[in-house]
Amino acid sequence: MSEIQTRTMEEQGKPAASHILVVDDNPEIREVIYLLLGGEGYEVTEAADGEQAIEASAKYAFDLIILDIMMPGMNGYQTCVEIRKNSNAPILFLSAKSQEDDKMLGFSSGGDDYLVKPFEYARFRTALERFAAQQEYLRGARPSLSQNAIDQ
């Protein structure tokens, strides 16, 4: 089992925008998500299983948690229930499980959104933007210019 790892692309001139936990037992999937998120300026912490995710969520205050379902040991649903005991961070399930029952179980275990692998980048980015806007609102930040245009 690998250790929890946090990475940013700050060295490429982008300050970290938000801190996101990516939980997936597949290192290639974690790498792809890191490249997508890091390129957008997000700080990314990676966990390879449910136990590492629970440990990381107790240690850091994440702005978003991206969680796979099919992992060895504790599955994503069980992990989500445990994370919810100490974190209110939005949880986005990212899974190959595509049945409606799988999605409903994700929501009932505490998830906030559900994307099926392989996912479309536009849908993934829209979810990130929505969660970022929610976090800004909860922190008392002013709505973005695009939000003001939507409200008018």
N, C-alpha and C. Protein backbone atom coordinates (compact mmCIF):
# COMPACT_ATOMS: atom_id res chain seq x y z
N MET A 1 0.85 -1.17 0.00
CA MET A 1 0.00 0.00 0.00
C MET A 1 0.89 1.23 0.00
N SER A 2 0.56 2.19 -0.86
CA SER A 2 1.34 3.42 -0.91
C SER A 2 0.89 4.38 0.18
N GLU A 3 1.72 5.41 0.41
CA GLU A 3 1.39 6.39 1.43
C GLU A 3 0.53 7.49 0.83
N ILE A 4 -0.13 8.24 1.71
CA ILE A 4 -0.89 9.41 1.28
C ILE A 4 0.09 10.42 0.72
N GLN A 5 -0.25 11.00 -0.43
CA GLN A 5 0.66 11.92 -1.10
C GLN A 5 -0.10 13.18 -1.49
N THR A 6 0.50 14.36 -1.23
CA THR A 6 -0.08 15.63 -1.64
C THR A 6 0.82 16.27 -2.67
N ARG A 7 0.22 16.73 -3.80
CA ARG A 7 1.00 17.35 -4.86
C ARG A 7 0.28 18.60 -5.36
N THR A 8 1.06 19.56 -5.83
CA THR A 8 0.52 20.74 -6.50
C THR A 8 1.39 21.03 -7.71
N MET A 9 0.89 21.89 -8.56
CA MET A 9 1.68 22.35 -9.71
C MET A 9 2.12 23.78 -9.49
N GLU A 10 2.26 24.19 -8.23
CA GLU A 10 2.69 25.55 -7.92
C GLU A 10 4.03 25.87 -8.58
N GLU A 11 4.87 24.85 -8.70
CA GLU A 11 6.17 25.09 -9.30
C GLU A 11 6.04 25.51 -10.76
N GLN A 12 4.85 25.31 -11.35
CA GLN A 12 4.62 25.74 -12.73
C GLN A 12 3.92 27.09 -12.76
N GLY A 13 3.93 27.80 -11.63
CA GLY A 13 3.42 29.16 -11.61
C GLY A 13 1.97 29.31 -11.23
N LYS A 14 1.29 28.22 -10.87
CA LYS A 14 -0.12 28.31 -10.50
C LYS A 14 -0.26 28.08 -9.00
N PRO A 15 -0.79 29.05 -8.26
CA PRO A 15 -1.02 28.82 -6.84
C PRO A 15 -2.17 27.83 -6.64
N ALA A 16 -2.11 27.08 -5.57
CA ALA A 16 -3.17 26.12 -5.28
C ALA A 16 -4.48 26.85 -5.00
N ALA A 17 -5.55 26.44 -5.71
CA ALA A 17 -6.85 27.09 -5.57
C ALA A 17 -7.66 26.45 -4.45
N SER A 18 -7.74 25.16 -4.44
CA SER A 18 -8.50 24.39 -3.47
C SER A 18 -7.77 23.09 -3.22
N HIS A 19 -8.08 22.47 -2.10
CA HIS A 19 -7.44 21.21 -1.73
C HIS A 19 -8.43 20.08 -1.96
N ILE A 20 -8.06 19.14 -2.82
CA ILE A 20 -8.94 18.04 -3.21
C ILE A 20 -8.29 16.71 -2.88
N LEU A 21 -9.08 15.81 -2.28
CA LEU A 21 -8.64 14.44 -2.01
C LEU A 21 -9.14 13.54 -3.12
N VAL A 22 -8.23 12.80 -3.74
CA VAL A 22 -8.57 11.84 -4.79
C VAL A 22 -8.31 10.45 -4.25
N VAL A 23 -9.36 9.63 -4.21
CA VAL A 23 -9.27 8.29 -3.65
C VAL A 23 -9.58 7.27 -4.73
N ASP A 24 -8.57 6.50 -5.12
CA ASP A 24 -8.75 5.46 -6.14
C ASP A 24 -7.61 4.47 -5.97
N ASP A 25 -7.90 3.19 -6.08
CA ASP A 25 -6.85 2.18 -5.92
C ASP A 25 -5.98 2.06 -7.17
N ASN A 26 -6.40 2.67 -8.27
CA ASN A 26 -5.65 2.61 -9.52
C ASN A 26 -4.74 3.84 -9.63
N PRO A 27 -3.41 3.64 -9.56
CA PRO A 27 -2.50 4.79 -9.62
C PRO A 27 -2.58 5.56 -10.93
N GLU A 28 -2.93 4.89 -12.03
CA GLU A 28 -3.04 5.59 -13.31
C GLU A 28 -4.23 6.56 -13.30
N ILE A 29 -5.32 6.14 -12.70
CA ILE A 29 -6.50 7.02 -12.58
C ILE A 29 -6.15 8.22 -11.71
N ARG A 30 -5.48 7.96 -10.58
CA ARG A 30 -5.07 9.08 -9.71
C ARG A 30 -4.17 10.05 -10.46
N GLU A 31 -3.27 9.52 -11.28
CA GLU A 31 -2.35 10.38 -12.04
C GLU A 31 -3.10 11.24 -13.05
N VAL A 32 -4.05 10.66 -13.77
CA VAL A 32 -4.83 11.42 -14.75
C VAL A 32 -5.62 12.52 -14.05
N ILE A 33 -6.25 12.19 -12.94
CA ILE A 33 -7.03 13.20 -12.21
C ILE A 33 -6.11 14.28 -11.66
N TYR A 34 -4.94 13.88 -11.16
CA TYR A 34 -3.97 14.87 -10.69
C TYR A 34 -3.58 15.83 -11.81
N LEU A 35 -3.31 15.30 -12.99
CA LEU A 35 -2.92 16.15 -14.11
C LEU A 35 -4.04 17.13 -14.49
N LEU A 36 -5.27 16.64 -14.48
CA LEU A 36 -6.41 17.52 -14.78
C LEU A 36 -6.57 18.60 -13.71
N LEU A 37 -6.54 18.17 -12.45
CA LEU A 37 -6.75 19.12 -11.34
C LEU A 37 -5.55 20.03 -11.13
N GLY A 38 -4.37 19.45 -11.16
CA GLY A 38 -3.15 20.24 -10.95
C GLY A 38 -3.00 21.30 -12.01
N GLY A 39 -3.37 20.98 -13.24
CA GLY A 39 -3.31 21.94 -14.33
C GLY A 39 -4.27 23.10 -14.14
N GLU A 40 -5.31 22.87 -13.35
CA GLU A 40 -6.29 23.92 -13.04
C GLU A 40 -5.90 24.70 -11.78
N GLY A 41 -4.80 24.28 -11.14
CA GLY A 41 -4.32 24.99 -9.96
C GLY A 41 -4.73 24.40 -8.63
N TYR A 42 -5.34 23.22 -8.64
CA TYR A 42 -5.78 22.60 -7.40
C TYR A 42 -4.63 21.88 -6.70
N GLU A 43 -4.64 21.89 -5.38
CA GLU A 43 -3.74 21.06 -4.59
C GLU A 43 -4.41 19.70 -4.45
N VAL A 44 -3.69 18.63 -4.73
CA VAL A 44 -4.28 17.29 -4.76
C VAL A 44 -3.58 16.38 -3.76
N THR A 45 -4.38 15.78 -2.89
CA THR A 45 -3.89 14.72 -2.00
C THR A 45 -4.46 13.42 -2.53
N GLU A 46 -3.60 12.40 -2.61
CA GLU A 46 -4.01 11.12 -3.17
C GLU A 46 -4.02 10.05 -2.09
N ALA A 47 -5.06 9.20 -2.14
CA ALA A 47 -5.17 8.06 -1.24
C ALA A 47 -5.51 6.84 -2.10
N ALA A 48 -4.90 5.70 -1.77
CA ALA A 48 -5.07 4.49 -2.57
C ALA A 48 -6.20 3.59 -2.08
N ASP A 49 -6.77 3.88 -0.91
CA ASP A 49 -7.84 3.04 -0.39
C ASP A 49 -8.67 3.81 0.64
N GLY A 50 -9.73 3.16 1.11
CA GLY A 50 -10.63 3.80 2.05
C GLY A 50 -9.98 4.18 3.36
N GLU A 51 -9.12 3.33 3.88
CA GLU A 51 -8.46 3.64 5.15
C GLU A 51 -7.60 4.89 5.03
N GLN A 52 -6.84 5.00 3.96
CA GLN A 52 -6.02 6.20 3.75
C GLN A 52 -6.91 7.44 3.58
N ALA A 53 -8.04 7.28 2.92
CA ALA A 53 -8.96 8.40 2.72
C ALA A 53 -9.50 8.90 4.05
N ILE A 54 -9.88 7.99 4.92
CA ILE A 54 -10.40 8.37 6.23
C ILE A 54 -9.32 9.07 7.04
N GLU A 55 -8.11 8.53 6.99
CA GLU A 55 -6.98 9.15 7.69
C GLU A 55 -6.72 10.56 7.16
N ALA A 56 -6.71 10.72 5.84
CA ALA A 56 -6.45 12.02 5.24
C ALA A 56 -7.56 13.02 5.56
N SER A 57 -8.81 12.55 5.55
CA SER A 57 -9.93 13.46 5.81
C SER A 57 -9.96 13.92 7.26
N ALA A 58 -9.38 13.13 8.15
CA ALA A 58 -9.27 13.54 9.55
C ALA A 58 -8.12 14.52 9.75
N LYS A 59 -7.13 14.46 8.87
CA LYS A 59 -5.92 15.28 9.00
C LYS A 59 -6.04 16.63 8.30
N TYR A 60 -6.72 16.67 7.14
CA TYR A 60 -6.81 17.89 6.33
C TYR A 60 -8.27 18.31 6.16
N ALA A 61 -8.47 19.60 5.92
CA ALA A 61 -9.79 20.13 5.57
C ALA A 61 -9.85 20.24 4.05
N PHE A 62 -10.51 19.31 3.41
CA PHE A 62 -10.60 19.30 1.95
C PHE A 62 -11.77 20.13 1.47
N ASP A 63 -11.61 20.70 0.28
CA ASP A 63 -12.70 21.43 -0.37
C ASP A 63 -13.58 20.49 -1.18
N LEU A 64 -13.03 19.33 -1.54
CA LEU A 64 -13.75 18.33 -2.32
C LEU A 64 -13.04 16.99 -2.16
N ILE A 65 -13.83 15.92 -2.16
CA ILE A 65 -13.29 14.56 -2.13
C ILE A 65 -13.83 13.83 -3.35
N ILE A 66 -12.93 13.27 -4.15
CA ILE A 66 -13.30 12.46 -5.32
C ILE A 66 -13.03 11.02 -4.94
N LEU A 67 -14.07 10.20 -4.99
CA LEU A 67 -14.02 8.87 -4.38
C LEU A 67 -14.47 7.77 -5.34
N ASP A 68 -13.61 6.79 -5.54
CA ASP A 68 -13.95 5.59 -6.31
C ASP A 68 -14.79 4.68 -5.43
N ILE A 69 -15.51 3.76 -6.03
CA ILE A 69 -16.33 2.83 -5.25
C ILE A 69 -15.66 1.47 -5.11
N MET A 70 -15.20 0.92 -6.23
CA MET A 70 -14.66 -0.44 -6.21
C MET A 70 -13.18 -0.41 -5.83
N MET A 71 -12.93 -0.58 -4.53
CA MET A 71 -11.57 -0.61 -4.00
C MET A 71 -11.43 -1.83 -3.09
N PRO A 72 -10.22 -2.36 -2.97
CA PRO A 72 -10.03 -3.49 -2.06
C PRO A 72 -10.25 -3.04 -0.60
N GLY A 73 -10.68 -3.97 0.22
CA GLY A 73 -10.95 -3.64 1.62
C GLY A 73 -12.24 -2.87 1.73
N MET A 74 -12.17 -1.68 2.25
CA MET A 74 -13.35 -0.84 2.42
C MET A 74 -13.75 -0.22 1.07
N ASN A 75 -15.00 -0.44 0.65
CA ASN A 75 -15.42 0.14 -0.63
C ASN A 75 -15.73 1.63 -0.47
N GLY A 76 -16.02 2.29 -1.58
CA GLY A 76 -16.26 3.72 -1.56
C GLY A 76 -17.49 4.13 -0.75
N TYR A 77 -18.55 3.32 -0.80
CA TYR A 77 -19.74 3.63 -0.02
C TYR A 77 -19.43 3.64 1.48
N GLN A 78 -18.74 2.59 1.93
CA GLN A 78 -18.36 2.50 3.34
C GLN A 78 -17.43 3.64 3.73
N THR A 79 -16.50 3.95 2.84
CA THR A 79 -15.55 5.04 3.08
C THR A 79 -16.30 6.36 3.22
N CYS A 80 -17.27 6.59 2.37
CA CYS A 80 -18.05 7.82 2.40
C CYS A 80 -18.77 7.97 3.74
N VAL A 81 -19.39 6.90 4.20
CA VAL A 81 -20.10 6.94 5.50
C VAL A 81 -19.13 7.32 6.61
N GLU A 82 -17.93 6.74 6.60
CA GLU A 82 -16.94 7.04 7.64
C GLU A 82 -16.41 8.48 7.53
N ILE A 83 -16.16 8.93 6.31
CA ILE A 83 -15.68 10.31 6.11
C ILE A 83 -16.71 11.31 6.62
N ARG A 84 -17.99 11.01 6.38
CA ARG A 84 -19.06 11.92 6.80
C ARG A 84 -19.10 12.11 8.32
N LYS A 85 -18.47 11.22 9.07
CA LYS A 85 -18.45 11.37 10.53
C LYS A 85 -17.58 12.54 10.97
N ASN A 86 -16.64 12.99 10.11
CA ASN A 86 -15.76 14.10 10.49
C ASN A 86 -15.56 15.15 9.41
N SER A 87 -16.29 15.04 8.31
CA SER A 87 -16.09 16.01 7.23
C SER A 87 -17.40 16.30 6.51
N ASN A 88 -17.60 17.57 6.20
CA ASN A 88 -18.74 18.00 5.39
C ASN A 88 -18.32 18.36 3.98
N ALA A 89 -17.08 18.05 3.62
CA ALA A 89 -16.60 18.36 2.26
C ALA A 89 -17.49 17.65 1.24
N PRO A 90 -17.79 18.30 0.12
CA PRO A 90 -18.55 17.62 -0.92
C PRO A 90 -17.81 16.37 -1.39
N ILE A 91 -18.56 15.32 -1.67
CA ILE A 91 -17.99 14.06 -2.14
C ILE A 91 -18.55 13.75 -3.52
N LEU A 92 -17.64 13.61 -4.48
CA LEU A 92 -17.98 13.27 -5.86
C LEU A 92 -17.54 11.83 -6.09
N PHE A 93 -18.51 10.94 -6.29
CA PHE A 93 -18.17 9.56 -6.64
C PHE A 93 -17.76 9.53 -8.10
N LEU A 94 -16.67 8.83 -8.39
CA LEU A 94 -16.18 8.65 -9.75
C LEU A 94 -15.95 7.15 -9.90
N SER A 95 -16.86 6.48 -10.61
CA SER A 95 -16.86 5.03 -10.61
C SER A 95 -17.26 4.45 -11.96
N ALA A 96 -16.81 3.22 -12.21
CA ALA A 96 -17.23 2.49 -13.40
C ALA A 96 -18.63 1.89 -13.21
N LYS A 97 -19.12 1.88 -11.98
CA LYS A 97 -20.46 1.35 -11.70
C LYS A 97 -21.48 2.36 -12.20
N SER A 98 -22.30 1.92 -13.17
CA SER A 98 -23.16 2.88 -13.87
C SER A 98 -24.66 2.66 -13.68
N GLN A 99 -25.05 1.66 -12.92
CA GLN A 99 -26.47 1.40 -12.72
C GLN A 99 -27.09 2.44 -11.80
N GLU A 100 -28.38 2.69 -12.00
CA GLU A 100 -29.09 3.67 -11.18
C GLU A 100 -29.02 3.32 -9.69
N ASP A 101 -29.09 2.03 -9.37
CA ASP A 101 -29.00 1.59 -7.96
C ASP A 101 -27.64 1.97 -7.36
N ASP A 102 -26.57 1.88 -8.15
CA ASP A 102 -25.24 2.25 -7.69
C ASP A 102 -25.20 3.74 -7.34
N LYS A 103 -25.78 4.54 -8.22
CA LYS A 103 -25.81 5.98 -7.99
C LYS A 103 -26.62 6.32 -6.74
N MET A 104 -27.77 5.69 -6.61
CA MET A 104 -28.63 5.97 -5.44
C MET A 104 -27.92 5.57 -4.15
N LEU A 105 -27.19 4.46 -4.18
CA LEU A 105 -26.43 4.04 -3.00
C LEU A 105 -25.34 5.07 -2.69
N GLY A 106 -24.73 5.64 -3.73
CA GLY A 106 -23.74 6.68 -3.54
C GLY A 106 -24.33 7.90 -2.84
N PHE A 107 -25.50 8.33 -3.30
CA PHE A 107 -26.14 9.48 -2.67
C PHE A 107 -26.59 9.16 -1.26
N SER A 108 -27.14 7.98 -1.04
CA SER A 108 -27.63 7.64 0.30
C SER A 108 -26.51 7.41 1.30
N SER A 109 -25.30 7.13 0.81
CA SER A 109 -24.17 6.96 1.74
C SER A 109 -23.51 8.29 2.08
N GLY A 110 -23.97 9.38 1.45
CA GLY A 110 -23.44 10.71 1.77
C GLY A 110 -22.79 11.44 0.63
N GLY A 111 -22.81 10.86 -0.57
CA GLY A 111 -22.21 11.51 -1.73
C GLY A 111 -23.04 12.67 -2.24
N ASP A 112 -22.38 13.63 -2.88
CA ASP A 112 -23.05 14.82 -3.40
C ASP A 112 -23.24 14.79 -4.91
N ASP A 113 -22.42 14.00 -5.61
CA ASP A 113 -22.54 13.89 -7.06
C ASP A 113 -21.93 12.56 -7.46
N TYR A 114 -22.19 12.15 -8.70
CA TYR A 114 -21.76 10.83 -9.17
C TYR A 114 -21.44 10.93 -10.66
N LEU A 115 -20.22 10.60 -11.03
CA LEU A 115 -19.81 10.54 -12.43
C LEU A 115 -19.36 9.11 -12.75
N VAL A 116 -19.72 8.67 -13.94
CA VAL A 116 -19.36 7.33 -14.38
C VAL A 116 -18.10 7.39 -15.23
N LYS A 117 -17.14 6.48 -14.94
CA LYS A 117 -15.92 6.34 -15.74
C LYS A 117 -16.26 5.53 -16.99
N PRO A 118 -15.71 5.84 -18.12
CA PRO A 118 -14.92 7.03 -18.38
C PRO A 118 -15.83 8.25 -18.39
N PHE A 119 -15.32 9.38 -17.92
CA PHE A 119 -16.14 10.57 -17.80
C PHE A 119 -15.74 11.61 -18.84
N GLU A 120 -16.68 12.49 -19.13
CA GLU A 120 -16.40 13.60 -20.04
C GLU A 120 -15.76 14.72 -19.23
N TYR A 121 -14.70 15.28 -19.75
CA TYR A 121 -13.98 16.33 -19.04
C TYR A 121 -14.89 17.53 -18.75
N ALA A 122 -15.76 17.89 -19.71
CA ALA A 122 -16.65 19.04 -19.51
C ALA A 122 -17.57 18.83 -18.31
N ARG A 123 -18.10 17.64 -18.16
CA ARG A 123 -19.00 17.33 -17.02
C ARG A 123 -18.20 17.34 -15.72
N PHE A 124 -17.00 16.80 -15.75
CA PHE A 124 -16.12 16.79 -14.58
C PHE A 124 -15.80 18.22 -14.16
N ARG A 125 -15.43 19.04 -15.11
CA ARG A 125 -15.08 20.44 -14.79
C ARG A 125 -16.29 21.21 -14.28
N THR A 126 -17.46 20.95 -14.85
CA THR A 126 -18.68 21.61 -14.37
C THR A 126 -18.95 21.25 -12.91
N ALA A 127 -18.75 20.00 -12.56
CA ALA A 127 -18.93 19.59 -11.16
C ALA A 127 -17.93 20.31 -10.26
N LEU A 128 -16.68 20.42 -10.69
CA LEU A 128 -15.67 21.13 -9.90
C LEU A 128 -16.06 22.59 -9.69
N GLU A 129 -16.51 23.22 -10.75
CA GLU A 129 -16.91 24.63 -10.66
C GLU A 129 -18.10 24.81 -9.73
N ARG A 130 -19.06 23.88 -9.79
CA ARG A 130 -20.23 23.96 -8.92
C ARG A 130 -19.83 23.82 -7.47
N PHE A 131 -18.97 22.85 -7.17
CA PHE A 131 -18.53 22.67 -5.79
C PHE A 131 -17.72 23.87 -5.31
N ALA A 132 -16.89 24.44 -6.19
CA ALA A 132 -16.10 25.62 -5.81
C ALA A 132 -17.02 26.80 -5.50
N ALA A 133 -18.07 26.98 -6.30
CA ALA A 133 -19.02 28.06 -6.05
C ALA A 133 -19.75 27.85 -4.72
N GLN A 134 -20.10 26.60 -4.43
CA GLN A 134 -20.76 26.31 -3.15
C GLN A 134 -19.84 26.62 -1.98
N GLN A 135 -18.56 26.26 -2.11
CA GLN A 135 -17.62 26.52 -1.03
C GLN A 135 -17.44 28.02 -0.83
N GLU A 136 -17.38 28.79 -1.92
CA GLU A 136 -17.26 30.25 -1.81
C GLU A 136 -18.48 30.82 -1.10
N TYR A 137 -19.65 30.33 -1.45
CA TYR A 137 -20.89 30.81 -0.84
C TYR A 137 -20.88 30.51 0.67
N LEU A 138 -20.49 29.31 1.02
CA LEU A 138 -20.45 28.92 2.43
C LEU A 138 -19.43 29.73 3.22
N ARG A 139 -18.38 30.18 2.56
CA ARG A 139 -17.38 31.01 3.22
C ARG A 139 -17.79 32.48 3.26
N GLY A 140 -18.90 32.80 2.63
CA GLY A 140 -19.38 34.17 2.63
C GLY A 140 -18.81 35.03 1.53
N ALA A 141 -18.20 34.40 0.54
CA ALA A 141 -17.62 35.16 -0.57
C ALA A 141 -18.75 35.65 -1.49
N ARG A 142 -18.45 36.71 -2.21
CA ARG A 142 -19.43 37.24 -3.16
C ARG A 142 -19.55 36.30 -4.35
N PRO A 143 -20.75 36.21 -4.92
CA PRO A 143 -20.91 35.38 -6.13
C PRO A 143 -20.03 35.90 -7.25
N SER A 144 -19.62 35.01 -8.14
CA SER A 144 -18.80 35.40 -9.27
C SER A 144 -19.62 36.22 -10.25
N LEU A 145 -18.96 36.89 -11.17
CA LEU A 145 -19.62 37.69 -12.18
C LEU A 145 -20.59 36.84 -12.99
N SER A 146 -20.20 35.62 -13.33
CA SER A 146 -21.07 34.75 -14.11
C SER A 146 -22.31 34.39 -13.32
N GLN A 147 -22.21 34.25 -12.02
CA GLN A 147 -23.38 33.96 -11.19
C GLN A 147 -24.34 35.15 -11.18
N ASN A 148 -23.79 36.39 -11.11
CA ASN A 148 -24.64 37.57 -11.16
C ASN A 148 -25.41 37.63 -12.47
N ALA A 149 -24.76 37.27 -13.57
CA ALA A 149 -25.43 37.30 -14.87
C ALA A 149 -26.55 36.29 -14.91
N ILE A 150 -26.37 35.14 -14.28
CA ILE A 150 -27.39 34.10 -14.26
C ILE A 150 -28.60 34.57 -13.45
N ASP A 151 -28.35 35.27 -12.35
CA ASP A 151 -29.42 35.71 -11.46
C ASP A 151 -30.29 36.81 -12.07
N GLN A 152 -29.76 37.55 -13.06
CA GLN A 152 -30.52 38.68 -13.61
C GLN A 152 -31.56 38.29 -14.61
